Amino acid sequence: MSVSASVRRRICLALPTNRACTDAIGALHAEAAYGADNFDVDVRVLILDSSDARTNAAHRAVVEALVPVPHVAVHLLDESAQRVFLGAAVKASGLDDPDRLLELMLPDGISYGACTNRAFLIAAALGCESVHRRDSDSAYQVLDGRPVFPIDQELLGLGRRAGEVAASGLVSESTLDPAQAERTLVIAGASFIGETSVDIGEIERLDNDVYCEVVSLWAPSDWSEDQKRELVSESFRGAGLEPFAQDHPVVGRVDPMRIDMCNIAFHRDAYERVPLLPALDTIGSDYFLMHAIYDAGLPGILHNRHIVNFYTAERRTDAGFAAYQLRFAKFFLSMLYLNFIYERMGELGGELLDEQGQLRSAAIVELARESAKLDTAENRWRLETIDRCYRKLGGRYAAFADSIALQGAELIERARTDIEEFALLTEVWQPLVNASRAAADALPLAALPPAAEWRNPS
């Protein structure tokens, strides 16, 4: 099917990366071309590149060699270019403490939430209606020689009225509550197959009891043992190993446990209201928005075009292992605050929405600030559990336990500060989004190729 509509929605297909991923860039461009050819969209491919200069040069060479296709433009921004844009946006916002805001948006270190927040702001500057995020350590499945692109299902209904999509015949199933029928579909996602999303398979092989005890640390402390066992059985495994055979999209509330950030799309009505946690070195810090959407009762599409997850070689090195385990430990510490917020959001339900049916950022700011006052005894217990379990495993796990013991108090305080900074960023997020539109001229923009006749060569 070739689309010839004169007025097209603009969308952002985003790839944040800090590693070499030339293959992923080429595959992302192919997905963009597929989307432009099959839907009424202009696709802005956004590569946010935090890699070193040599890797960035290799990425830029791949981008320059891409065959131009109509309605697709590719923007590759290194951190210098990102900083120029963000500085202009913060300045245009007129908000207090601009240096701190800039640091929260582009910190010196790994932040899964911050890199996606930058994609949200740049998408606003580009005039996009949705952001479709992929990861550089994942790939597309293939069926009958063709890649299985998630964008095919994401664009089924994102931004449309939920009841209209449910009745359209485009989806296989509807779990839509009648009260949600008039609401906008603001999320579309699936999961992954292949290796687990968190690199802890070795722990499970070494000692299953340790694995279960460690993974259960992300549950609320008052959960029963049965609840914790169920959580452990589902955690980090995605959609298993079964390959894609046919589409089965479902319209309704999208359970965060069924989707992954390597395979997700958000409508602007969601990400322009609430950002993600800008926490440093914390896996899962980019998952907040899907929880807020679910708890507020906003609908979306759960599809089954799962992406293939794989591990990069860097994770297997001693340095990579230590860095990843630190991010894993900080994830557990963040759950003291996030479990509290998630529970309260679930209780509030539709009260999280304003009169227009959109997320109330002020309600989330209040919950985040309330959570920051929690007693940190639970986090001391979490670190003690990690210490004991990792020493039981021995080897480099015991060495990691030694290193984390030296910084336990600092990590506990950092987790509390992280949630305070999230509250601050959420409070100023909408003015920052609006200022990003005003700062669009600070972006080095690629030109769209001529709208000539084109057909997907795959």
Protein backbone atom coordinates (compact mmCIF):
# COMPACT_ATOMS: atom_id res chain seq x y z
CA MET A 1 0.00 0.00 0.00
CA SER A 2 1.36 3.39 -0.95
CA VAL A 3 0.06 6.49 0.83
CA SER A 4 -0.39 9.66 -1.18
CA ALA A 5 -2.13 11.87 1.38
CA SER A 6 -1.07 15.49 1.10
CA VAL A 7 -1.28 16.16 4.84
CA ARG A 8 0.76 13.79 6.96
CA ARG A 9 1.23 13.47 10.67
CA ARG A 10 4.81 13.83 11.78
CA ILE A 11 6.22 11.17 14.10
CA CYS A 12 9.59 10.58 15.75
CA LEU A 13 11.32 7.19 15.54
CA ALA A 14 13.99 7.50 18.23
CA LEU A 15 17.17 5.57 18.98
CA PRO A 16 19.22 6.68 22.01
CA THR A 17 22.66 5.06 22.06
CA ASN A 18 26.07 5.23 23.70
CA ARG A 19 27.59 2.30 21.80
CA ALA A 20 28.44 1.23 18.25
CA CYS A 21 25.21 0.27 16.45
CA THR A 22 25.61 0.76 12.71
CA ASP A 23 23.33 -2.18 11.94
CA ALA A 24 20.61 -0.81 14.20
CA ILE A 25 20.72 2.56 12.41
CA GLY A 26 20.23 0.92 9.03
CA ALA A 27 17.37 -1.21 10.35
CA LEU A 28 15.74 1.83 11.97
CA HIS A 29 15.83 3.69 8.67
CA ALA A 30 14.17 0.70 7.00
CA GLU A 31 11.40 0.78 9.61
CA ALA A 32 10.95 4.51 9.01
CA ALA A 33 10.67 3.92 5.26
CA TYR A 34 8.10 1.19 5.88
CA GLY A 35 6.07 3.50 8.11
CA ALA A 36 6.14 6.37 5.61
CA ASP A 37 5.12 4.09 2.75
CA ASN A 38 2.26 2.43 4.58
CA PHE A 39 0.81 5.24 6.71
CA ASP A 40 0.08 8.94 6.38
CA VAL A 41 3.19 9.97 8.30
CA ASP A 42 6.38 11.92 7.89
CA VAL A 43 9.01 10.11 9.95
CA ARG A 44 11.77 11.95 11.74
CA VAL A 45 14.43 9.39 12.63
CA LEU A 46 16.21 10.72 15.72
CA ILE A 47 19.53 9.19 16.77
CA LEU A 48 20.72 10.60 20.08
CA ASP A 49 24.37 9.61 20.07
CA SER A 50 26.32 9.69 23.33
CA SER A 51 29.12 7.46 22.03
CA ASP A 52 32.77 8.43 21.68
CA ALA A 53 34.03 10.49 18.72
CA ARG A 54 35.22 7.52 16.69
CA THR A 55 31.94 5.64 17.08
CA ASN A 56 29.94 8.76 16.37
CA ALA A 57 31.90 9.25 13.13
CA ALA A 58 31.04 5.70 12.08
CA HIS A 59 27.38 6.33 12.82
CA ARG A 60 27.43 9.57 10.84
CA ALA A 61 28.99 7.76 7.89
CA VAL A 62 26.13 5.24 7.95
CA VAL A 63 23.56 8.03 8.02
CA GLU A 64 25.20 9.86 5.14
CA ALA A 65 25.20 6.67 3.08
CA LEU A 66 21.49 5.95 3.57
CA VAL A 67 19.44 6.02 0.40
CA PRO A 68 16.97 8.92 0.79
CA VAL A 69 13.28 8.02 0.72
CA PRO A 70 10.26 10.34 0.67
CA HIS A 71 8.78 11.47 3.96
CA VAL A 72 11.76 10.29 6.01
CA ALA A 73 14.46 12.54 7.48
CA VAL A 74 17.32 11.39 9.69
CA HIS A 75 18.74 13.54 12.48
CA LEU A 76 21.88 12.34 14.25
CA LEU A 77 22.72 14.54 17.24
CA ASP A 78 25.84 14.01 19.30
CA GLU A 79 25.90 15.33 22.86
CA SER A 80 27.32 18.68 21.77
CA ALA A 81 24.39 19.29 19.45
CA GLN A 82 21.95 18.06 22.09
CA ARG A 83 23.46 20.44 24.63
CA VAL A 84 23.08 23.43 22.29
CA PHE A 85 19.40 22.66 21.77
CA LEU A 86 18.69 21.95 25.43
CA GLY A 87 20.48 25.11 26.49
CA ALA A 88 18.33 27.13 24.09
CA ALA A 89 15.17 25.44 25.34
CA VAL A 90 16.00 26.00 29.01
CA LYS A 91 16.84 29.63 28.29
CA ALA A 92 13.60 30.14 26.36
CA SER A 93 11.62 28.65 29.25
CA GLY A 94 12.75 31.35 31.66
CA LEU A 95 12.74 28.74 34.45
CA ASP A 96 14.83 29.11 37.59
CA ASP A 97 18.16 27.32 38.04
CA PRO A 98 18.82 26.67 34.32
CA ASP A 99 22.16 24.96 34.98
CA ARG A 100 20.50 22.35 37.19
CA LEU A 101 17.76 21.72 34.63
CA LEU A 102 20.34 21.27 31.89
CA GLU A 103 22.20 18.78 34.08
CA LEU A 104 19.00 16.80 34.67
CA MET A 105 18.38 16.66 30.93
CA LEU A 106 21.96 15.83 29.92
CA PRO A 107 23.81 14.42 32.94
CA ASP A 108 27.41 13.28 32.95
CA GLY A 109 26.74 9.54 32.95
CA ILE A 110 24.21 6.88 31.98
CA SER A 111 20.57 7.85 32.46
CA TYR A 112 17.92 5.81 30.67
CA GLY A 113 15.22 8.29 31.62
CA ALA A 114 17.14 11.42 30.65
CA CYS A 115 18.00 10.19 27.15
CA THR A 116 14.32 9.47 26.46
CA ASN A 117 13.31 12.82 27.97
CA ARG A 118 15.63 14.46 25.43
CA ALA A 119 13.86 12.55 22.67
CA PHE A 120 10.53 13.85 23.97
CA LEU A 121 11.69 17.48 23.93
CA ILE A 122 13.29 17.22 20.49
CA ALA A 123 10.15 15.55 19.16
CA ALA A 124 8.17 18.53 20.44
CA ALA A 125 10.59 20.87 18.66
CA LEU A 126 10.20 18.86 15.46
CA GLY A 127 6.40 19.08 15.65
CA CYS A 128 5.89 15.34 16.15
CA GLU A 129 2.69 13.76 17.44
CA SER A 130 4.30 10.63 18.84
CA VAL A 131 7.64 9.12 19.84
CA HIS A 132 8.46 5.51 18.90
CA ARG A 133 11.49 4.28 20.84
CA ARG A 134 13.93 1.50 19.98
CA ASP A 135 17.22 0.36 21.57
CA SER A 136 20.64 -0.25 20.05
CA ASP A 137 20.99 -3.71 21.66
CA SER A 138 17.92 -5.14 19.96
CA ALA A 139 16.87 -6.21 16.47
CA TYR A 140 13.70 -6.98 14.53
CA GLN A 141 12.24 -10.43 14.05
CA VAL A 142 11.90 -11.70 10.48
CA LEU A 143 8.89 -13.50 8.98
CA ASP A 144 8.94 -14.85 5.42
CA GLY A 145 12.07 -12.84 4.73
CA ARG A 146 10.59 -9.51 5.87
CA PRO A 147 11.37 -7.63 9.08
CA VAL A 148 8.55 -7.51 11.63
CA PHE A 149 8.37 -3.77 12.29
CA PRO A 150 6.50 -2.67 15.46
CA ILE A 151 5.58 0.64 13.82
CA ASP A 152 3.01 -1.28 11.75
CA GLN A 153 0.95 -1.87 14.91
CA GLU A 154 1.85 1.32 16.76
CA LEU A 155 0.30 3.44 14.03
CA LEU A 156 -2.95 1.46 14.00
CA GLY A 157 -4.55 3.77 16.49
CA LEU A 158 -2.09 5.91 18.43
CA GLY A 159 -3.69 9.34 18.86
CA ARG A 160 -7.15 8.15 17.79
CA ARG A 161 -10.25 7.71 19.94
CA ALA A 162 -10.14 4.32 21.65
CA GLY A 163 -13.74 3.34 20.94
CA GLU A 164 -13.32 4.15 17.26
CA VAL A 165 -10.28 1.89 16.99
CA ALA A 166 -11.99 -0.90 18.95
CA ALA A 167 -14.88 -0.85 16.47
CA SER A 168 -12.74 -0.47 13.36
CA GLY A 169 -11.85 -4.11 12.80
CA LEU A 170 -8.13 -3.21 12.91
CA VAL A 171 -7.57 -4.95 16.25
CA SER A 172 -7.98 -8.60 17.18
CA GLU A 173 -9.44 -8.02 20.62
CA SER A 174 -10.75 -5.28 22.89
CA THR A 175 -10.56 -5.15 26.68
CA LEU A 176 -11.75 -1.56 26.65
CA ASP A 177 -13.89 -0.34 29.51
CA PRO A 178 -16.85 1.62 28.03
CA ALA A 179 -15.79 4.56 30.20
CA GLN A 180 -12.51 4.71 28.25
CA ALA A 181 -14.07 4.70 24.78
CA GLU A 182 -13.87 8.46 24.31
CA ARG A 183 -10.27 8.67 25.49
CA THR A 184 -7.25 8.97 23.21
CA LEU A 185 -4.97 5.99 22.69
CA VAL A 186 -1.69 7.27 24.14
CA ILE A 187 0.52 4.18 24.26
CA ALA A 188 1.33 1.24 22.01
CA GLY A 189 3.84 -1.41 22.86
CA ALA A 190 5.03 -4.99 22.90
CA SER A 191 7.88 -6.81 24.57
CA PHE A 192 10.93 -8.78 23.42
CA ILE A 193 12.10 -12.30 22.83
CA GLY A 194 15.63 -13.61 23.26
CA GLU A 195 17.91 -12.88 26.19
CA THR A 196 16.40 -11.50 29.37
CA SER A 197 16.16 -7.72 29.62
CA VAL A 198 18.37 -7.71 32.72
CA ASP A 199 21.67 -9.57 32.55
CA ILE A 200 21.21 -11.80 35.60
CA GLY A 201 20.93 -15.22 33.99
CA GLU A 202 24.26 -16.22 35.50
CA ILE A 203 22.89 -15.65 39.00
CA GLU A 204 19.99 -18.00 38.26
CA ARG A 205 22.38 -20.66 36.97
CA LEU A 206 24.68 -20.33 39.98
CA ASP A 207 22.02 -20.39 42.70
CA ASN A 208 18.28 -20.29 42.03
CA ASP A 209 17.45 -19.44 45.65
CA VAL A 210 19.74 -16.41 45.52
CA TYR A 211 18.21 -15.41 42.19
CA CYS A 212 14.69 -15.51 43.63
CA GLU A 213 15.66 -13.56 46.74
CA VAL A 214 17.48 -10.87 44.79
CA VAL A 215 14.84 -10.41 42.07
CA SER A 216 12.06 -10.22 44.67
CA LEU A 217 13.72 -7.10 46.09
CA TRP A 218 11.81 -4.97 43.63
CA ALA A 219 8.46 -6.03 45.11
CA PRO A 220 6.76 -3.92 47.78
CA SER A 221 8.02 -5.09 51.16
CA ASP A 222 4.51 -6.00 52.39
CA TRP A 223 3.82 -8.43 49.56
CA SER A 224 3.24 -12.09 50.42
CA GLU A 225 5.74 -14.78 49.47
CA ASP A 226 3.32 -16.06 46.82
CA GLN A 227 3.09 -12.59 45.25
CA LYS A 228 6.87 -12.29 45.24
CA ARG A 229 7.30 -15.73 43.64
CA GLU A 230 4.86 -14.77 40.89
CA LEU A 231 6.74 -11.52 40.29
CA VAL A 232 10.06 -13.37 40.07
CA SER A 233 8.63 -15.86 37.57
CA GLU A 234 7.56 -13.02 35.25
CA SER A 235 10.39 -10.56 35.74
CA PHE A 236 12.75 -9.58 32.92
CA ARG A 237 11.72 -12.50 30.66
CA GLY A 238 9.70 -10.54 28.12
CA ALA A 239 7.57 -12.64 25.80
CA GLY A 240 9.77 -15.71 26.09
CA LEU A 241 11.23 -17.36 23.00
CA GLU A 242 8.28 -18.01 20.69
CA PRO A 243 8.81 -16.24 17.34
CA PHE A 244 6.24 -14.00 15.68
CA ALA A 245 3.65 -15.76 13.48
CA GLN A 246 0.73 -13.33 13.06
CA ASP A 247 -0.56 -10.07 14.48
CA HIS A 248 -2.78 -9.95 17.55
CA PRO A 249 -3.28 -6.33 18.64
CA VAL A 250 -5.46 -5.68 21.69
CA VAL A 251 -6.99 -2.29 22.53
CA GLY A 252 -7.47 -1.44 26.22
CA ARG A 253 -5.28 -0.63 29.22
CA VAL A 254 -1.71 -1.79 28.58
CA ASP A 255 -0.12 -3.67 31.48
CA PRO A 256 3.44 -2.38 32.08
CA MET A 257 4.56 -5.95 32.78
CA ARG A 258 3.75 -6.87 29.15
CA ILE A 259 5.78 -4.20 27.36
CA ASP A 260 9.36 -2.99 27.19
CA MET A 261 11.00 0.35 26.50
CA CYS A 262 12.88 -1.06 23.50
CA ASN A 263 9.52 -1.53 21.78
CA ILE A 264 7.15 1.28 22.68
CA ALA A 265 5.39 4.35 21.34
CA PHE A 266 3.82 7.24 23.25
CA HIS A 267 1.44 9.92 22.03
CA ARG A 268 2.32 13.52 22.84
CA ASP A 269 -0.73 13.78 25.13
CA ALA A 270 1.21 11.58 27.56
CA TYR A 271 4.92 12.45 27.21
CA GLU A 272 4.34 16.20 26.99
CA ARG A 273 2.65 16.04 30.39
CA VAL A 274 5.00 13.84 32.43
CA PRO A 275 8.72 13.07 31.96
CA LEU A 276 10.76 10.04 33.02
CA LEU A 277 13.10 9.80 35.99
CA PRO A 278 16.47 11.40 35.16
CA ALA A 279 18.21 9.10 37.68
CA LEU A 280 21.83 8.17 36.92
CA ASP A 281 22.95 4.56 36.65
CA THR A 282 19.51 3.10 37.38
CA ILE A 283 17.88 0.52 35.14
CA GLY A 284 14.12 0.91 34.89
CA SER A 285 14.27 4.68 35.37
CA ASP A 286 12.58 5.08 31.98
CA TYR A 287 9.46 3.03 32.82
CA PHE A 288 7.47 5.53 34.87
CA LEU A 289 5.20 6.88 32.15
CA MET A 290 3.74 3.49 31.22
CA HIS A 291 2.74 3.00 34.87
CA ALA A 292 1.12 6.44 35.07
CA ILE A 293 -0.83 5.77 31.87
CA TYR A 294 -2.03 2.40 33.14
CA ASP A 295 -3.04 3.61 36.60
CA ALA A 296 -4.89 6.63 35.19
CA GLY A 297 -6.96 4.34 32.96
CA LEU A 298 -5.68 5.76 29.68
CA PRO A 299 -6.00 3.23 26.83
CA GLY A 300 -3.51 1.96 24.30
CA ILE A 301 -2.64 -0.97 22.05
CA LEU A 302 -0.80 -4.07 23.23
CA HIS A 303 0.58 -5.87 20.18
CA ASN A 304 2.85 -8.86 19.67
CA ARG A 305 5.54 -7.64 17.28
CA HIS A 306 8.21 -8.38 19.87
CA ILE A 307 11.77 -7.18 19.32
CA VAL A 308 14.80 -9.48 19.69
CA ASN A 309 16.94 -8.59 22.71
CA PHE A 310 20.65 -9.41 22.83
CA TYR A 311 23.61 -8.59 25.05
CA THR A 312 26.57 -6.56 23.89
CA ALA A 313 30.11 -7.79 24.49
CA GLU A 314 30.81 -4.89 26.87
CA ARG A 315 28.50 -6.42 29.50
CA ARG A 316 30.76 -9.49 29.67
CA THR A 317 33.85 -7.51 30.71
CA ASP A 318 34.68 -6.99 34.39
CA ALA A 319 34.10 -3.24 34.08
CA GLY A 320 30.84 -3.79 32.24
CA PHE A 321 29.70 -6.31 34.84
CA ALA A 322 30.39 -3.95 37.75
CA ALA A 323 28.66 -1.01 36.02
CA TYR A 324 25.61 -3.07 35.20
CA GLN A 325 25.31 -4.56 38.69
CA LEU A 326 25.44 -1.05 40.14
CA ARG A 327 22.54 -0.01 37.89
CA PHE A 328 20.69 -3.13 39.00
CA ALA A 329 21.23 -2.35 42.70
CA LYS A 330 20.13 1.25 42.22
CA PHE A 331 16.97 -0.04 40.53
CA PHE A 332 16.06 -1.85 43.75
CA LEU A 333 16.69 1.26 45.81
CA SER A 334 14.46 3.33 43.52
CA MET A 335 11.58 0.94 44.20
CA LEU A 336 11.16 2.21 47.76
CA TYR A 337 9.82 5.39 46.21
CA LEU A 338 8.30 4.06 43.00
CA ASN A 339 6.30 1.30 44.69
CA PHE A 340 4.77 3.95 46.94
CA ILE A 341 3.94 6.18 43.97
CA TYR A 342 2.55 3.31 41.89
CA GLU A 343 0.29 2.21 44.74
CA ARG A 344 -1.02 5.72 45.27
CA MET A 345 -1.53 6.27 41.53
CA GLY A 346 -3.55 3.04 41.42
CA GLU A 347 -5.74 4.33 44.24
CA LEU A 348 -6.26 7.67 42.50
CA GLY A 349 -7.09 6.12 39.13
CA GLY A 350 -9.03 8.59 37.03
CA GLU A 351 -8.27 11.36 39.51
CA LEU A 352 -4.83 11.47 37.89
CA LEU A 353 -6.53 13.05 34.85
CA ASP A 354 -7.64 16.63 34.29
CA GLU A 355 -10.87 17.83 32.68
CA GLN A 356 -9.43 17.12 29.22
CA GLY A 357 -8.61 13.53 30.16
CA GLN A 358 -4.85 14.14 30.27
CA LEU A 359 -2.35 13.33 33.02
CA ARG A 360 -2.19 15.85 35.85
CA SER A 361 1.49 16.45 36.39
CA ALA A 362 0.78 18.30 39.66
CA ALA A 363 -0.68 15.11 41.17
CA ILE A 364 2.47 13.17 40.31
CA VAL A 365 4.71 15.92 41.69
CA GLU A 366 2.83 15.71 44.97
CA LEU A 367 3.20 11.92 45.15
CA ALA A 368 6.90 12.05 44.33
CA ARG A 369 7.59 14.64 47.02
CA GLU A 370 5.55 12.65 49.54
CA SER A 371 7.53 9.50 48.73
CA ALA A 372 10.85 11.30 49.29
CA LYS A 373 9.95 11.54 53.00
CA LEU A 374 9.81 7.74 53.44
CA ASP A 375 12.03 6.03 56.02
CA THR A 376 15.09 4.56 54.26
CA ALA A 377 15.30 1.48 56.54
CA GLU A 378 13.81 -0.61 53.74
CA ASN A 379 16.67 0.38 51.44
CA ARG A 380 19.25 -0.48 54.06
CA TRP A 381 17.66 -3.93 54.19
CA ARG A 382 17.81 -4.19 50.40
CA LEU A 383 21.54 -3.43 50.35
CA GLU A 384 22.15 -5.89 53.18
CA THR A 385 20.31 -8.57 51.21
CA ILE A 386 22.35 -7.88 48.07
CA ASP A 387 25.55 -7.99 50.12
CA ARG A 388 24.69 -11.34 51.71
CA CYS A 389 23.44 -12.95 48.50
CA TYR A 390 26.33 -11.78 46.34
CA ARG A 391 28.91 -12.95 48.87
CA LYS A 392 27.27 -16.36 48.74
CA LEU A 393 27.82 -16.42 44.97
CA GLY A 394 31.50 -15.56 45.39
CA GLY A 395 33.92 -14.46 42.67
CA ARG A 396 33.18 -11.14 41.01
CA TYR A 397 29.81 -10.99 42.82
CA ALA A 398 31.62 -10.96 46.16
CA ALA A 399 33.98 -8.30 44.81
CA PHE A 400 30.96 -6.21 43.80
CA ALA A 401 29.55 -6.65 47.32
CA ASP A 402 32.81 -5.21 48.67
CA SER A 403 32.54 -2.16 46.43
CA ILE A 404 28.88 -1.48 47.18
CA ALA A 405 29.45 -1.82 50.95
CA LEU A 406 31.76 1.19 50.77
CA GLN A 407 29.11 3.41 49.20
CA GLY A 408 25.91 2.12 50.79
CA ALA A 409 24.95 5.35 52.59
CA GLU A 410 25.72 7.40 49.49
CA LEU A 411 23.58 5.12 47.28
CA ILE A 412 20.64 5.31 49.68
CA GLU A 413 20.81 9.10 49.74
CA ARG A 414 21.23 9.24 45.98
CA ALA A 415 18.02 7.24 45.48
CA ARG A 416 16.14 9.76 47.63
CA THR A 417 17.65 12.68 45.73
CA ASP A 418 16.71 11.02 42.44
CA ILE A 419 13.01 11.09 43.31
CA GLU A 420 13.25 14.71 44.44
CA GLU A 421 14.84 15.63 41.13
CA PHE A 422 12.07 13.78 39.31
CA ALA A 423 9.52 15.87 41.20
CA LEU A 424 11.37 19.04 40.21
CA LEU A 425 11.57 18.07 36.55
CA THR A 426 7.90 17.04 36.45
CA GLU A 427 6.89 20.38 37.96
CA VAL A 428 8.59 22.34 35.16
CA TRP A 429 8.09 19.80 32.36
CA GLN A 430 5.24 21.44 30.46
CA PRO A 431 6.92 24.88 30.31
CA LEU A 432 10.07 23.10 29.14
CA VAL A 433 8.14 21.28 26.41
CA ASN A 434 6.62 24.55 25.21
CA ALA A 435 10.04 26.21 25.25
CA SER A 436 11.46 23.37 23.18
CA ARG A 437 9.13 24.30 20.34
CA ALA A 438 10.40 27.85 20.55
CA ALA A 439 13.99 26.56 20.43
CA ALA A 440 13.55 24.47 17.28
CA ASP A 441 15.95 26.72 15.36
CA ALA A 442 18.77 25.44 17.59
CA LEU A 443 18.44 21.96 16.05
CA PRO A 444 20.68 20.97 13.11
CA LEU A 445 17.87 19.69 10.89
CA ALA A 446 18.16 17.30 7.98
CA ALA A 447 16.03 18.02 4.93
CA LEU A 448 13.31 15.66 3.77
CA PRO A 449 14.06 14.19 0.31
CA PRO A 450 11.74 15.08 -2.55
CA ALA A 451 8.34 13.41 -2.35
CA ALA A 452 8.89 11.24 -5.38
CA GLU A 453 7.07 7.96 -6.03
CA TRP A 454 8.64 5.27 -3.89
CA ARG A 455 7.76 1.73 -2.91
CA ASN A 456 9.19 -0.28 -0.04
CA PRO A 457 11.91 -2.43 -1.66
CA SER A 458 11.59 -5.11 1.05
